[in-house]
C-alpha atoms as a PDB file:
ATOM      1  CA  UNK A   1     -57.203  -1.903   6.043  1.00  0.00           C
ATOM      2  CA  UNK A   2     -55.428  -0.656   2.821  1.00  0.00           C
ATOM      3  CA  UNK A   3     -52.199   1.032   2.272  1.00  0.00           C
ATOM      4  CA  UNK A   4     -51.529   3.254  -0.268  1.00  0.00           C
ATOM      5  CA  UNK A   5     -47.935   3.676  -2.237  1.00  0.00           C
ATOM      6  CA  UNK A   6     -47.010   5.850  -4.802  1.00  0.00           C
ATOM      7  CA  UNK A   7     -45.551   4.676  -7.847  1.00  0.00           C
ATOM      8  CA  UNK A   8     -41.903   6.610  -6.942  1.00  0.00           C
ATOM      9  CA  UNK A   9     -41.905   4.917  -3.465  1.00  0.00           C
ATOM     10  CA  UNK A  10     -42.258   1.352  -5.128  1.00  0.00           C
ATOM     11  CA  UNK A  11     -39.127  -0.748  -5.224  1.00  0.00           C
ATOM     12  CA  UNK A  12     -37.283  -0.307  -9.151  1.00  0.00           C
ATOM     13  CA  UNK A  13     -35.077  -3.530  -9.299  1.00  0.00           C
ATOM     14  CA  UNK A  14     -34.830  -2.469 -13.251  1.00  0.00           C
ATOM     15  CA  UNK A  15     -33.342   0.700 -12.345  1.00  0.00           C
ATOM     16  CA  UNK A  16     -30.968  -0.935  -9.618  1.00  0.00           C
ATOM     17  CA  UNK A  17     -29.469  -3.089 -12.193  1.00  0.00           C
ATOM     18  CA  UNK A  18     -29.253  -0.551 -14.761  1.00  0.00           C
ATOM     19  CA  UNK A  19     -26.697   1.728 -12.242  1.00  0.00           C
ATOM     20  CA  UNK A  20     -24.850  -1.481 -11.217  1.00  0.00           C
ATOM     21  CA  UNK A  21     -24.429  -2.356 -14.766  1.00  0.00           C
ATOM     22  CA  UNK A  22     -23.349   1.438 -15.307  1.00  0.00           C
ATOM     23  CA  UNK A  23     -20.781   1.701 -12.641  1.00  0.00           C
ATOM     24  CA  UNK A  24     -19.356  -2.056 -13.983  1.00  0.00           C
ATOM     25  CA  UNK A  25     -18.921  -0.560 -17.385  1.00  0.00           C
ATOM     26  CA  UNK A  26     -17.416   2.305 -16.358  1.00  0.00           C
ATOM     27  CA  UNK A  27     -14.619   0.177 -14.372  1.00  0.00           C
ATOM     28  CA  UNK A  28     -14.200  -2.802 -16.806  1.00  0.00           C
ATOM     29  CA  UNK A  29     -11.737  -0.874 -19.328  1.00  0.00           C
ATOM     30  CA  UNK A  30      -9.201  -0.113 -15.870  1.00  0.00           C
ATOM     31  CA  UNK A  31      -9.904  -3.743 -14.684  1.00  0.00           C
ATOM     32  CA  UNK A  32      -9.020  -5.286 -17.895  1.00  0.00           C
ATOM     33  CA  UNK A  33      -5.522  -3.159 -18.259  1.00  0.00           C
ATOM     34  CA  UNK A  34      -4.622  -4.187 -14.704  1.00  0.00           C
ATOM     35  CA  UNK A  35      -5.539  -7.442 -15.312  1.00  0.00           C
ATOM     36  CA  UNK A  36      -4.268  -7.801 -18.708  1.00  0.00           C
ATOM     37  CA  UNK A  37      -0.888  -6.625 -17.330  1.00  0.00           C
ATOM     38  CA  UNK A  38      -0.721  -8.868 -14.406  1.00  0.00           C
ATOM     39  CA  UNK A  39      -1.621 -11.798 -17.221  1.00  0.00           C
ATOM     40  CA  UNK A  40       1.166 -10.578 -19.339  1.00  0.00           C
ATOM     41  CA  UNK A  41       3.836 -10.260 -16.119  1.00  0.00           C
ATOM     42  CA  UNK A  42       3.297 -14.555 -15.472  1.00  0.00           C
ATOM     43  CA  UNK A  43       3.336 -15.056 -19.099  1.00  0.00           C
ATOM     44  CA  UNK A  44       6.578 -13.471 -19.303  1.00  0.00           C
ATOM     45  CA  UNK A  45       7.896 -15.273 -16.199  1.00  0.00           C
ATOM     46  CA  UNK A  46       6.323 -18.600 -17.794  1.00  0.00           C
ATOM     47  CA  UNK A  47       8.184 -17.901 -20.812  1.00  0.00           C
ATOM     48  CA  UNK A  48      11.771 -16.977 -19.576  1.00  0.00           C
ATOM     49  CA  UNK A  49      11.305 -19.994 -17.322  1.00  0.00           C
ATOM     50  CA  UNK A  50      12.549 -17.870 -14.355  1.00  0.00           C
ATOM     51  CA  UNK A  51      10.263 -18.760 -11.546  1.00  0.00           C
ATOM     52  CA  UNK A  52      12.515 -16.509  -9.450  1.00  0.00           C
ATOM     53  CA  UNK A  53      11.157 -13.865 -11.277  1.00  0.00           C
ATOM     54  CA  UNK A  54       8.011 -12.110 -10.049  1.00  0.00           C
ATOM     55  CA  UNK A  55       5.055 -11.388 -11.275  1.00  0.00           C
ATOM     56  CA  UNK A  56       4.655  -8.557  -8.793  1.00  0.00           C
ATOM     57  CA  UNK A  57       7.595  -6.702  -9.809  1.00  0.00           C
ATOM     58  CA  UNK A  58       6.801  -7.697 -13.788  1.00  0.00           C
ATOM     59  CA  UNK A  59       3.631  -6.032 -13.240  1.00  0.00           C
ATOM     60  CA  UNK A  60       4.712  -2.931 -11.974  1.00  0.00           C
ATOM     61  CA  UNK A  61       7.565  -2.365 -14.430  1.00  0.00           C
ATOM     62  CA  UNK A  62       4.991  -3.061 -17.264  1.00  0.00           C
ATOM     63  CA  UNK A  63       2.593  -0.721 -15.624  1.00  0.00           C
ATOM     64  CA  UNK A  64       5.398   2.005 -15.189  1.00  0.00           C
ATOM     65  CA  UNK A  65       6.547   1.816 -18.940  1.00  0.00           C
ATOM     66  CA  UNK A  66       2.949   2.159 -20.596  1.00  0.00           C
ATOM     67  CA  UNK A  67       2.094   4.807 -18.337  1.00  0.00           C
ATOM     68  CA  UNK A  68       5.016   6.776 -19.158  1.00  0.00           C
ATOM     69  CA  UNK A  69       5.562   5.865 -22.126  1.00  0.00           C
ATOM     70  CA  UNK A  70       2.270   6.010 -23.950  1.00  0.00           C
ATOM     71  CA  UNK A  71      -0.125   7.606 -21.259  1.00  0.00           C
ATOM     72  CA  UNK A  72      -3.335   5.765 -19.773  1.00  0.00           C
ATOM     73  CA  UNK A  73      -6.506   6.576 -21.600  1.00  0.00           C
ATOM     74  CA  UNK A  74      -9.051   8.785 -19.496  1.00  0.00           C
ATOM     75  CA  UNK A  75     -11.782   5.463 -19.866  1.00  0.00           C
ATOM     76  CA  UNK A  76      -9.409   3.308 -17.855  1.00  0.00           C
ATOM     77  CA  UNK A  77      -8.754   5.780 -14.916  1.00  0.00           C
ATOM     78  CA  UNK A  78     -11.880   4.687 -12.649  1.00  0.00           C
ATOM     79  CA  UNK A  79     -10.711   0.622 -13.187  1.00  0.00           C
ATOM     80  CA  UNK A  80      -7.236   1.501 -12.479  1.00  0.00           C
ATOM     81  CA  UNK A  81      -8.075   3.277  -9.097  1.00  0.00           C
ATOM     82  CA  UNK A  82     -10.349   0.253  -8.083  1.00  0.00           C
ATOM     83  CA  UNK A  83      -7.429  -1.933  -8.792  1.00  0.00           C
ATOM     84  CA  UNK A  84      -5.530  -0.024  -7.061  1.00  0.00           C
ATOM     85  CA  UNK A  85      -7.364   0.514  -3.832  1.00  0.00           C
ATOM     86  CA  UNK A  86     -10.364  -2.294  -3.345  1.00  0.00           C
ATOM     87  CA  UNK A  87      -8.235  -4.851  -5.464  1.00  0.00           C
ATOM     88  CA  UNK A  88      -5.414  -4.277  -3.526  1.00  0.00           C
ATOM     89  CA  UNK A  89      -7.203  -4.566  -0.188  1.00  0.00           C
ATOM     90  CA  UNK A  90      -9.562  -7.875  -1.290  1.00  0.00           C
ATOM     91  CA  UNK A  91      -5.376  -9.658  -1.947  1.00  0.00           C
ATOM     92  CA  UNK A  92      -4.446  -8.311   1.965  1.00  0.00           C
ATOM     93  CA  UNK A  93      -7.546  -9.633   3.334  1.00  0.00           C
ATOM     94  CA  UNK A  94      -6.930 -13.318   1.478  1.00  0.00           C
ATOM     95  CA  UNK A  95      -3.322 -12.936   2.835  1.00  0.00           C
ATOM     96  CA  UNK A  96      -4.877 -14.090   5.778  1.00  0.00           C
ATOM     97  CA  UNK A  97      -5.420 -16.881   5.298  1.00  0.00           C
ATOM     98  CA  UNK A  98      -1.604 -17.681   4.965  1.00  0.00           C
ATOM     99  CA  UNK A  99      -1.112 -16.984   8.396  1.00  0.00           C
ATOM    100  CA  UNK A 100      -2.154 -17.180  12.098  1.00  0.00           C
ATOM    101  CA  UNK A 101      -1.979 -15.289  15.059  1.00  0.00           C
ATOM    102  CA  UNK A 102       1.081 -17.572  16.562  1.00  0.00           C
ATOM    103  CA  UNK A 103       2.771 -16.081  13.978  1.00  0.00           C
ATOM    104  CA  UNK A 104       1.623 -12.366  14.844  1.00  0.00           C
ATOM    105  CA  UNK A 105       2.707 -13.185  18.060  1.00  0.00           C
ATOM    106  CA  UNK A 106       6.500 -13.636  16.684  1.00  0.00           C
ATOM    107  CA  UNK A 107       6.603  -9.828  15.993  1.00  0.00           C
ATOM    108  CA  UNK A 108       7.030  -9.451  19.568  1.00  0.00           C
ATOM    109  CA  UNK A 109       7.227  -6.665  21.545  1.00  0.00           C
ATOM    110  CA  UNK A 110      10.770  -5.541  20.399  1.00  0.00           C
ATOM    111  CA  UNK A 111       9.232  -5.802  16.961  1.00  0.00           C
ATOM    112  CA  UNK A 112       6.145  -3.339  17.379  1.00  0.00           C
ATOM    113  CA  UNK A 113       8.511  -1.038  19.165  1.00  0.00           C
ATOM    114  CA  UNK A 114      10.662  -1.070  16.351  1.00  0.00           C
ATOM    115  CA  UNK A 115       7.744  -0.215  14.203  1.00  0.00           C
ATOM    116  CA  UNK A 116       6.453   2.575  16.315  1.00  0.00           C
ATOM    117  CA  UNK A 117       9.901   4.035  16.697  1.00  0.00           C
ATOM    118  CA  UNK A 118      10.387   4.147  13.284  1.00  0.00           C
ATOM    119  CA  UNK A 119       6.941   5.831  12.461  1.00  0.00           C
ATOM    120  CA  UNK A 120       7.081   8.411  14.884  1.00  0.00           C
ATOM    121  CA  UNK A 121      10.851   9.615  13.933  1.00  0.00           C
ATOM    122  CA  UNK A 122      10.099   9.258  10.175  1.00  0.00           C
ATOM    123  CA  UNK A 123       7.053  11.729  10.162  1.00  0.00           C
ATOM    124  CA  UNK A 124       9.137  13.897  12.734  1.00  0.00           C
ATOM    125  CA  UNK A 125      12.343  14.086  10.695  1.00  0.00           C
ATOM    126  CA  UNK A 126      10.374  14.235   7.322  1.00  0.00           C
ATOM    127  CA  UNK A 127       8.538  17.451   8.446  1.00  0.00           C
ATOM    128  CA  UNK A 128      11.455  19.064   9.909  1.00  0.00           C
ATOM    129  CA  UNK A 129      13.637  18.746   6.775  1.00  0.00           C
ATOM    130  CA  UNK A 130      10.776  20.096   4.757  1.00  0.00           C
ATOM    131  CA  UNK A 131      10.567  22.861   6.844  1.00  0.00           C
ATOM    132  CA  UNK A 132      14.325  23.306   6.386  1.00  0.00           C
ATOM    133  CA  UNK A 133      14.598  23.259   2.720  1.00  0.00           C
ATOM    134  CA  UNK A 134      11.358  25.192   2.145  1.00  0.00           C
ATOM    135  CA  UNK A 135       8.925  22.726   0.786  1.00  0.00           C
ATOM    136  CA  UNK A 136       4.887  23.717   1.480  1.00  0.00           C
ATOM    137  CA  UNK A 137       3.978  22.516   5.187  1.00  0.00           C
ATOM    138  CA  UNK A 138       1.026  20.377   3.928  1.00  0.00           C
ATOM    139  CA  UNK A 139       2.981  18.810   0.989  1.00  0.00           C
ATOM    140  CA  UNK A 140       5.741  17.985   3.639  1.00  0.00           C
ATOM    141  CA  UNK A 141       3.033  16.661   6.052  1.00  0.00           C
ATOM    142  CA  UNK A 142       2.142  14.707   3.211  1.00  0.00           C
ATOM    143  CA  UNK A 143       5.116  13.148   2.123  1.00  0.00           C
ATOM    144  CA  UNK A 144       5.769  12.350   5.895  1.00  0.00           C
ATOM    145  CA  UNK A 145       2.409  10.475   6.526  1.00  0.00           C
ATOM    146  CA  UNK A 146       3.128   7.894   2.864  1.00  0.00           C
ATOM    147  CA  UNK A 147       6.575   7.553   3.623  1.00  0.00           C
ATOM    148  CA  UNK A 148       6.065   6.587   7.296  1.00  0.00           C
ATOM    149  CA  UNK A 149       2.996   4.858   7.789  1.00  0.00           C
ATOM    150  CA  UNK A 150       1.585   3.280   4.598  1.00  0.00           C
ATOM    151  CA  UNK A 151       1.946   4.644   1.317  1.00  0.00           C
ATOM    152  CA  UNK A 152      -1.023   6.501  -0.824  1.00  0.00           C
ATOM    153  CA  UNK A 153      -3.238   5.114   1.905  1.00  0.00           C
ATOM    154  CA  UNK A 154      -1.991   7.461   4.545  1.00  0.00           C
ATOM    155  CA  UNK A 155      -1.535  10.143   2.283  1.00  0.00           C
ATOM    156  CA  UNK A 156      -5.268  10.271   1.346  1.00  0.00           C
ATOM    157  CA  UNK A 157      -6.270   9.575   4.900  1.00  0.00           C
ATOM    158  CA  UNK A 158      -3.457  12.771   6.129  1.00  0.00           C
ATOM    159  CA  UNK A 159      -5.158  14.959   3.623  1.00  0.00           C
ATOM    160  CA  UNK A 160      -8.323  14.945   5.682  1.00  0.00           C
ATOM    161  CA  UNK A 161      -6.485  16.984   8.242  1.00  0.00           C
ATOM    162  CA  UNK A 162      -3.700  18.964   5.853  1.00  0.00           C
ATOM    163  CA  UNK A 163      -6.314  20.079   3.154  1.00  0.00           C
ATOM    164  CA  UNK A 164      -3.711  19.912   0.699  1.00  0.00           C
ATOM    165  CA  UNK A 165      -4.525  20.493  -2.937  1.00  0.00           C
ATOM    166  CA  UNK A 166      -4.916  17.938  -5.646  1.00  0.00           C
ATOM    167  CA  UNK A 167      -1.418  18.871  -6.977  1.00  0.00           C
ATOM    168  CA  UNK A 168      -0.195  17.907  -3.508  1.00  0.00           C
ATOM    169  CA  UNK A 169      -1.731  14.400  -3.024  1.00  0.00           C
ATOM    170  CA  UNK A 170      -0.784  13.825  -6.523  1.00  0.00           C
ATOM    171  CA  UNK A 171       2.890  14.382  -6.052  1.00  0.00           C
ATOM    172  CA  UNK A 172       3.147  12.946  -2.736  1.00  0.00           C
ATOM    173  CA  UNK A 173       1.112   9.813  -3.846  1.00  0.00           C
ATOM    174  CA  UNK A 174       3.829   9.824  -6.778  1.00  0.00           C
ATOM    175  CA  UNK A 175       6.628  10.040  -4.855  1.00  0.00           C
ATOM    176  CA  UNK A 176       5.812   7.474  -2.434  1.00  0.00           C
ATOM    177  CA  UNK A 177       5.180   4.980  -5.002  1.00  0.00           C
ATOM    178  CA  UNK A 178       8.400   5.913  -6.807  1.00  0.00           C
ATOM    179  CA  UNK A 179      10.508   5.542  -4.068  1.00  0.00           C
ATOM    180  CA  UNK A 180       8.383   2.856  -2.394  1.00  0.00           C
ATOM    181  CA  UNK A 181       9.226   0.766  -5.899  1.00  0.00           C
ATOM    182  CA  UNK A 182      12.464   1.581  -5.553  1.00  0.00           C
ATOM    183  CA  UNK A 183      12.816   0.010  -1.764  1.00  0.00           C
ATOM    184  CA  UNK A 184      10.965  -3.225  -3.142  1.00  0.00           C
ATOM    185  CA  UNK A 185      13.615  -3.741  -5.779  1.00  0.00           C
ATOM    186  CA  UNK A 186      16.778  -3.029  -3.938  1.00  0.00           C
ATOM    187  CA  UNK A 187      15.740  -4.723  -0.802  1.00  0.00           C
ATOM    188  CA  UNK A 188      15.867  -8.061  -1.907  1.00  0.00           C
ATOM    189  CA  UNK A 189      19.607  -7.946  -2.733  1.00  0.00           C
ATOM    190  CA  UNK A 190      20.414  -6.531   0.927  1.00  0.00           C
ATOM    191  CA  UNK A 191      19.667  -9.355   3.500  1.00  0.00           C
ATOM    192  CA  UNK A 192      23.370 -11.410   3.079  1.00  0.00           C
ATOM    193  CA  UNK A 193      25.257  -8.164   2.655  1.00  0.00           C
ATOM    194  CA  UNK A 194      23.567  -6.978   6.306  1.00  0.00           C
ATOM    195  CA  UNK A 195      23.711 -10.173   7.398  1.00  0.00           C
ATOM    196  CA  UNK A 196      19.835 -10.334   8.113  1.00  0.00           C
ATOM    197  CA  UNK A 197      18.083 -13.176   8.960  1.00  0.00           C
ATOM    198  CA  UNK A 198      14.461 -14.072   7.329  1.00  0.00           C
ATOM    199  CA  UNK A 199      12.819 -12.264  10.070  1.00  0.00           C
ATOM    200  CA  UNK A 200      14.891  -9.453  10.658  1.00  0.00           C
ATOM    201  CA  UNK A 201      14.703  -8.664   6.947  1.00  0.00           C
ATOM    202  CA  UNK A 202      10.914  -9.276   7.338  1.00  0.00           C
ATOM    203  CA  UNK A 203      10.764  -6.668  10.035  1.00  0.00           C
ATOM    204  CA  UNK A 204      12.859  -3.902   8.007  1.00  0.00           C
ATOM    205  CA  UNK A 205      10.468  -4.708   5.144  1.00  0.00           C
ATOM    206  CA  UNK A 206       7.692  -4.546   6.984  1.00  0.00           C
ATOM    207  CA  UNK A 207       8.705  -1.518   9.143  1.00  0.00           C
ATOM    208  CA  UNK A 208      10.147   0.804   5.913  1.00  0.00           C
ATOM    209  CA  UNK A 209       8.736   0.076   2.749  1.00  0.00           C
ATOM    210  CA  UNK A 210       6.151   2.485   1.776  1.00  0.00           C
ATOM    211  CA  UNK A 211       3.124   0.676   0.118  1.00  0.00           C
ATOM    212  CA  UNK A 212       1.884  -3.067   1.752  1.00  0.00           C
ATOM    213  CA  UNK A 213       2.294  -4.711  -2.045  1.00  0.00           C
ATOM    214  CA  UNK A 214       5.806  -3.594  -2.224  1.00  0.00           C
ATOM    215  CA  UNK A 215       6.631  -5.008   1.398  1.00  0.00           C
ATOM    216  CA  UNK A 216       5.052  -8.358   0.166  1.00  0.00           C
ATOM    217  CA  UNK A 217       7.099  -8.158  -3.349  1.00  0.00           C
ATOM    218  CA  UNK A 218      10.210  -7.168  -1.482  1.00  0.00           C
ATOM    219  CA  UNK A 219       9.943  -9.118   1.449  1.00  0.00           C
ATOM    220  CA  UNK A 220       8.775 -12.696  -0.328  1.00  0.00           C
ATOM    221  CA  UNK A 221      11.799 -12.305  -2.397  1.00  0.00           C
ATOM    222  CA  UNK A 222      13.754 -13.499   0.583  1.00  0.00           C
ATOM    223  CA  UNK A 223      11.563 -16.626   1.060  1.00  0.00           C
ATOM    224  CA  UNK A 224       8.298 -17.640   2.602  1.00  0.00           C
ATOM    225  CA  UNK A 225       9.338 -17.036   6.054  1.00  0.00           C
ATOM    226  CA  UNK A 226      10.588 -13.194   5.032  1.00  0.00           C
ATOM    227  CA  UNK A 227       7.414 -12.609   3.438  1.00  0.00           C
ATOM    228  CA  UNK A 228       4.971 -13.842   6.250  1.00  0.00           C
ATOM    229  CA  UNK A 229       6.943 -11.841   8.911  1.00  0.00           C
ATOM    230  CA  UNK A 230       7.282  -8.697   6.199  1.00  0.00           C
ATOM    231  CA  UNK A 231       3.671  -8.863   6.019  1.00  0.00           C
ATOM    232  CA  UNK A 232       2.797  -8.719   9.494  1.00  0.00           C
ATOM    233  CA  UNK A 233       5.092  -6.023  10.279  1.00  0.00           C
ATOM    234  CA  UNK A 234       3.474  -3.760   7.858  1.00  0.00           C
ATOM    235  CA  UNK A 235       0.432  -4.661   9.056  1.00  0.00           C
ATOM    236  CA  UNK A 236       0.841  -4.069  12.198  1.00  0.00           C
ATOM    237  CA  UNK A 237       2.227  -0.562  10.921  1.00  0.00           C
ATOM    238  CA  UNK A 238      -0.956   0.240   9.224  1.00  0.00           C
ATOM    239  CA  UNK A 239      -2.937  -0.241  12.222  1.00  0.00           C
ATOM    240  CA  UNK A 240      -1.055   2.883  13.266  1.00  0.00           C
ATOM    241  CA  UNK A 241      -2.678   4.843  10.668  1.00  0.00           C
ATOM    242  CA  UNK A 242      -5.888   5.646  12.636  1.00  0.00           C
ATOM    243  CA  UNK A 243      -3.898   6.822  15.835  1.00  0.00           C
ATOM    244  CA  UNK A 244      -1.236   8.806  13.300  1.00  0.00           C
ATOM    245  CA  UNK A 245      -4.027  10.723  12.085  1.00  0.00           C
ATOM    246  CA  UNK A 246      -5.961  11.528  15.008  1.00  0.00           C
ATOM    247  CA  UNK A 247      -2.657  13.049  15.956  1.00  0.00           C
ATOM    248  CA  UNK A 248      -2.429  14.959  13.128  1.00  0.00           C
ATOM    249  CA  UNK A 249      -5.911  16.328  13.502  1.00  0.00           C
ATOM    250  CA  UNK A 250      -5.483  17.377  17.193  1.00  0.00           C
ATOM    251  CA  UNK A 251      -2.114  19.208  16.125  1.00  0.00           C
ATOM    252  CA  UNK A 252      -3.965  20.866  13.177  1.00  0.00           C
ATOM    253  CA  UNK A 253      -6.917  21.861  15.574  1.00  0.00           C
ATOM    254  CA  UNK A 254      -4.650  23.412  18.229  1.00  0.00           C
ATOM    255  CA  UNK A 255      -3.152  25.290  15.525  1.00  0.00           C
ATOM    256  CA  UNK A 256      -6.354  26.768  14.341  1.00  0.00           C
ATOM    257  CA  UNK A 257      -6.369  25.107  11.631  1.00  0.00           C
ATOM    258  CA  UNK A 258      -9.672  22.526  12.064  1.00  0.00           C
ATOM    259  CA  UNK A 259      -9.746  19.170  11.810  1.00  0.00           C
ATOM    260  CA  UNK A 260     -10.691  15.837  10.391  1.00  0.00           C
ATOM    261  CA  UNK A 261     -10.538  12.419  10.779  1.00  0.00           C
ATOM    262  CA  UNK A 262     -10.168   9.115   8.989  1.00  0.00           C
ATOM    263  CA  UNK A 263     -11.703   5.661   9.635  1.00  0.00           C
ATOM    264  CA  UNK A 264      -9.774   2.267  10.908  1.00  0.00           C
ATOM    265  CA  UNK A 265      -8.778   0.786   7.504  1.00  0.00           C
ATOM    266  CA  UNK A 266     -11.411  -1.683   7.292  1.00  0.00           C
ATOM    267  CA  UNK A 267      -9.209  -4.201   5.161  1.00  0.00           C
ATOM    268  CA  UNK A 268      -6.823  -4.563   7.978  1.00  0.00           C
ATOM    269  CA  UNK A 269     -10.241  -6.234  10.134  1.00  0.00           C
ATOM    270  CA  UNK A 270     -10.910  -8.348   7.280  1.00  0.00           C
ATOM    271  CA  UNK A 271      -7.162  -9.653   7.020  1.00  0.00           C
ATOM    272  CA  UNK A 272      -7.303 -10.157  10.927  1.00  0.00           C
ATOM    273  CA  UNK A 273     -10.615 -12.143  10.334  1.00  0.00           C
ATOM    274  CA  UNK A 274      -9.128 -14.477   8.159  1.00  0.00           C
ATOM    275  CA  UNK A 275      -6.025 -15.019  10.253  1.00  0.00           C
ATOM    276  CA  UNK A 276      -8.265 -15.723  13.220  1.00  0.00           C
ATOM    277  CA  UNK A 277     -10.413 -18.216  11.446  1.00  0.00           C
ATOM    278  CA  UNK A 278      -6.762 -19.826   9.984  1.00  0.00           C
ATOM    279  CA  UNK A 279      -5.629 -19.846  13.427  1.00  0.00           C
ATOM    280  CA  UNK A 280      -9.090 -22.138  14.663  1.00  0.00           C
ATOM    281  CA  UNK A 281     -10.267 -24.431  11.595  1.00  0.00           C
ATOM    282  CA  UNK A 282      -7.931 -26.165   9.884  1.00  0.00           C
ATOM    283  CA  UNK A 283      -8.571 -25.348   6.323  1.00  0.00           C
ATOM    284  CA  UNK A 284      -7.499 -28.138   3.306  1.00  0.00           C
ATOM    285  CA  UNK A 285      -4.209 -27.587   1.720  1.00  0.00           C
ATOM    286  CA  UNK A 286      -5.741 -27.504  -1.757  1.00  0.00           C
ATOM    287  CA  UNK A 287      -8.030 -24.815  -0.699  1.00  0.00           C
ATOM    288  CA  UNK A 288      -5.103 -22.627   0.766  1.00  0.00           C
ATOM    289  CA  UNK A 289      -3.084 -22.995  -2.437  1.00  0.00           C
ATOM    290  CA  UNK A 290      -5.710 -21.570  -5.102  1.00  0.00           C
ATOM    291  CA  UNK A 291      -6.535 -18.554  -2.748  1.00  0.00           C
ATOM    292  CA  UNK A 292      -2.744 -18.522  -2.332  1.00  0.00           C
ATOM    293  CA  UNK A 293      -2.276 -18.572  -6.150  1.00  0.00           C
ATOM    294  CA  UNK A 294      -5.573 -16.410  -6.258  1.00  0.00           C
ATOM    295  CA  UNK A 295      -3.940 -13.514  -3.732  1.00  0.00           C
ATOM    296  CA  UNK A 296      -0.714 -13.458  -5.778  1.00  0.00           C
ATOM    297  CA  UNK A 297      -2.580 -12.605  -9.137  1.00  0.00           C
ATOM    298  CA  UNK A 298      -4.508  -9.782  -7.445  1.00  0.00           C
ATOM    299  CA  UNK A 299      -1.858  -8.215  -5.893  1.00  0.00           C
ATOM    300  CA  UNK A 300      -0.202  -8.695  -9.514  1.00  0.00           C
ATOM    301  CA  UNK A 301      -2.873  -6.643 -11.056  1.00  0.00           C
ATOM    302  CA  UNK A 302      -2.855  -4.272  -8.139  1.00  0.00           C
ATOM    303  CA  UNK A 303       1.027  -3.227  -8.488  1.00  0.00           C
ATOM    304  CA  UNK A 304       0.029  -3.079 -11.991  1.00  0.00           C
ATOM    305  CA  UNK A 305      -2.462  -0.220 -11.272  1.00  0.00           C
ATOM    306  CA  UNK A 306       0.411   1.454  -9.038  1.00  0.00           C
ATOM    307  CA  UNK A 307       2.677   1.531 -12.111  1.00  0.00           C
ATOM    308  CA  UNK A 308      -0.103   2.933 -14.557  1.00  0.00           C
ATOM    309  CA  UNK A 309      -0.408   5.662 -11.775  1.00  0.00           C
ATOM    310  CA  UNK A 310       2.931   6.661 -11.255  1.00  0.00           C
ATOM    311  CA  UNK A 311       3.543   9.278 -13.479  1.00  0.00           C
ATOM    312  CA  UNK A 312       7.196  10.721 -13.255  1.00  0.00           C
ATOM    313  CA  UNK A 313       6.593  13.835 -14.697  1.00  0.00           C
ATOM    314  CA  UNK A 314       4.197  14.710 -11.669  1.00  0.00           C
ATOM    315  CA  UNK A 315       7.797  14.852  -9.716  1.00  0.00           C
ATOM    316  CA  UNK A 316       9.139  17.207 -12.398  1.00  0.00           C
ATOM    317  CA  UNK A 317       6.519  19.675 -12.202  1.00  0.00           C
ATOM    318  CA  UNK A 318       6.502  20.871  -8.658  1.00  0.00           C
ATOM    319  CA  UNK A 319      10.455  20.972  -8.655  1.00  0.00           C
ATOM    320  CA  UNK A 320      13.277  19.330  -6.978  1.00  0.00           C
ATOM    321  CA  UNK A 321      13.066  20.634  -3.142  1.00  0.00           C
ATOM    322  CA  UNK A 322      10.203  18.114  -3.010  1.00  0.00           C
ATOM    323  CA  UNK A 323      11.489  14.946  -4.069  1.00  0.00           C
ATOM    324  CA  UNK A 324      14.975  15.675  -2.261  1.00  0.00           C
ATOM    325  CA  UNK A 325      12.561  15.870   0.641  1.00  0.00           C
ATOM    326  CA  UNK A 326      10.938  12.601  -0.530  1.00  0.00           C
ATOM    327  CA  UNK A 327      14.357  10.485  -1.273  1.00  0.00           C
ATOM    328  CA  UNK A 328      15.445  11.933   2.205  1.00  0.00           C
ATOM    329  CA  UNK A 329      12.874  10.306   4.121  1.00  0.00           C
ATOM    330  CA  UNK A 330      12.864   7.398   2.374  1.00  0.00           C
ATOM    331  CA  UNK A 331      16.760   7.057   3.382  1.00  0.00           C
ATOM    332  CA  UNK A 332      16.344   7.819   6.421  1.00  0.00           C
ATOM    333  CA  UNK A 333      13.546   5.261   7.726  1.00  0.00           C
ATOM    334  CA  UNK A 334      15.231   2.629   6.131  1.00  0.00           C
ATOM    335  CA  UNK A 335      18.410   3.545   7.820  1.00  0.00           C
ATOM    336  CA  UNK A 336      17.015   4.439  11.055  1.00  0.00           C
ATOM    337  CA  UNK A 337      14.775   1.260  10.944  1.00  0.00           C
ATOM    338  CA  UNK A 338      17.819  -1.359  10.171  1.00  0.00           C
ATOM    339  CA  UNK A 339      19.104   0.275  12.893  1.00  0.00           C
ATOM    340  CA  UNK A 340      16.790  -0.754  15.499  1.00  0.00           C
ATOM    341  CA  UNK A 341      16.248  -3.882  13.965  1.00  0.00           C
ATOM    342  CA  UNK A 342      19.822  -4.881  14.633  1.00  0.00           C
ATOM    343  CA  UNK A 343      19.500  -3.474  18.031  1.00  0.00           C
ATOM    344  CA  UNK A 344      16.890  -5.685  18.715  1.00  0.00           C
ATOM    345  CA  UNK A 345      18.316  -8.460  17.134  1.00  0.00           C
END
């Protein structure tokens, strides 16, 4: 028996490689820019000899300065976006090798209650205040999602339901990036002043700072214990993204606005898988140290991309009221979560 194949049905390995090469070529300029800024941040830290200076914070500062002083070449856009999303998520997955489920249990019922209550209260407060300030409802919901859940990822996921404009999405992303960055710089100065022990500071950071990378940068400034606890608390908060967006979809459908959904953040599952691996098997200290170094560099590259994406002009283009809403939401989540952390201590 013979089988006839049409030429169009035959595998085309050469065309697959060409397509892959073209995709890689589009990403290369932006990847080179983000990784170059991360390298510059590490070099600056090494040159100053000030080891307490975080390369992650340096990377976002250099990135924001470059973007807002010189702009970002359009050619770098795809690679920067890839760094901000895929590289960041890869780094978070690799963080799983630095944690165990025994440490996750340390968050406890009270810690999870703090996180869930903070998320719900912040979202409701932000939407309510947005209506009071006259901010367009879709934009207010996007700022609420980004502030209360997990920054830009939550904004993009929530927009599958809210159906906001590209300008709304850009404004909300810029808003959570700027105020999350402010929190990243401000928080490390406060644990002594507020009498927070390492775990309390980690819980506060994880429950209130916008982006995962910002939590990592701020929490680890207070030591390894705060960094690990803050990362776990933040990932517990990220897991709530899926039910939060489903709730948005439900209420949008009830209002007759249609609905949408969002997939479970896959990188959380990768993080959990590596944490499970680290909980069950003994991984050589040398290998874990190498992975930790690589993870720090990848996080710095992601933060460089975040800085390159923060166009401060977008905040001015839509007026002051949404900016005030983002600021009020930032202050609310910081203050509300701090009260709960103190009560839970």
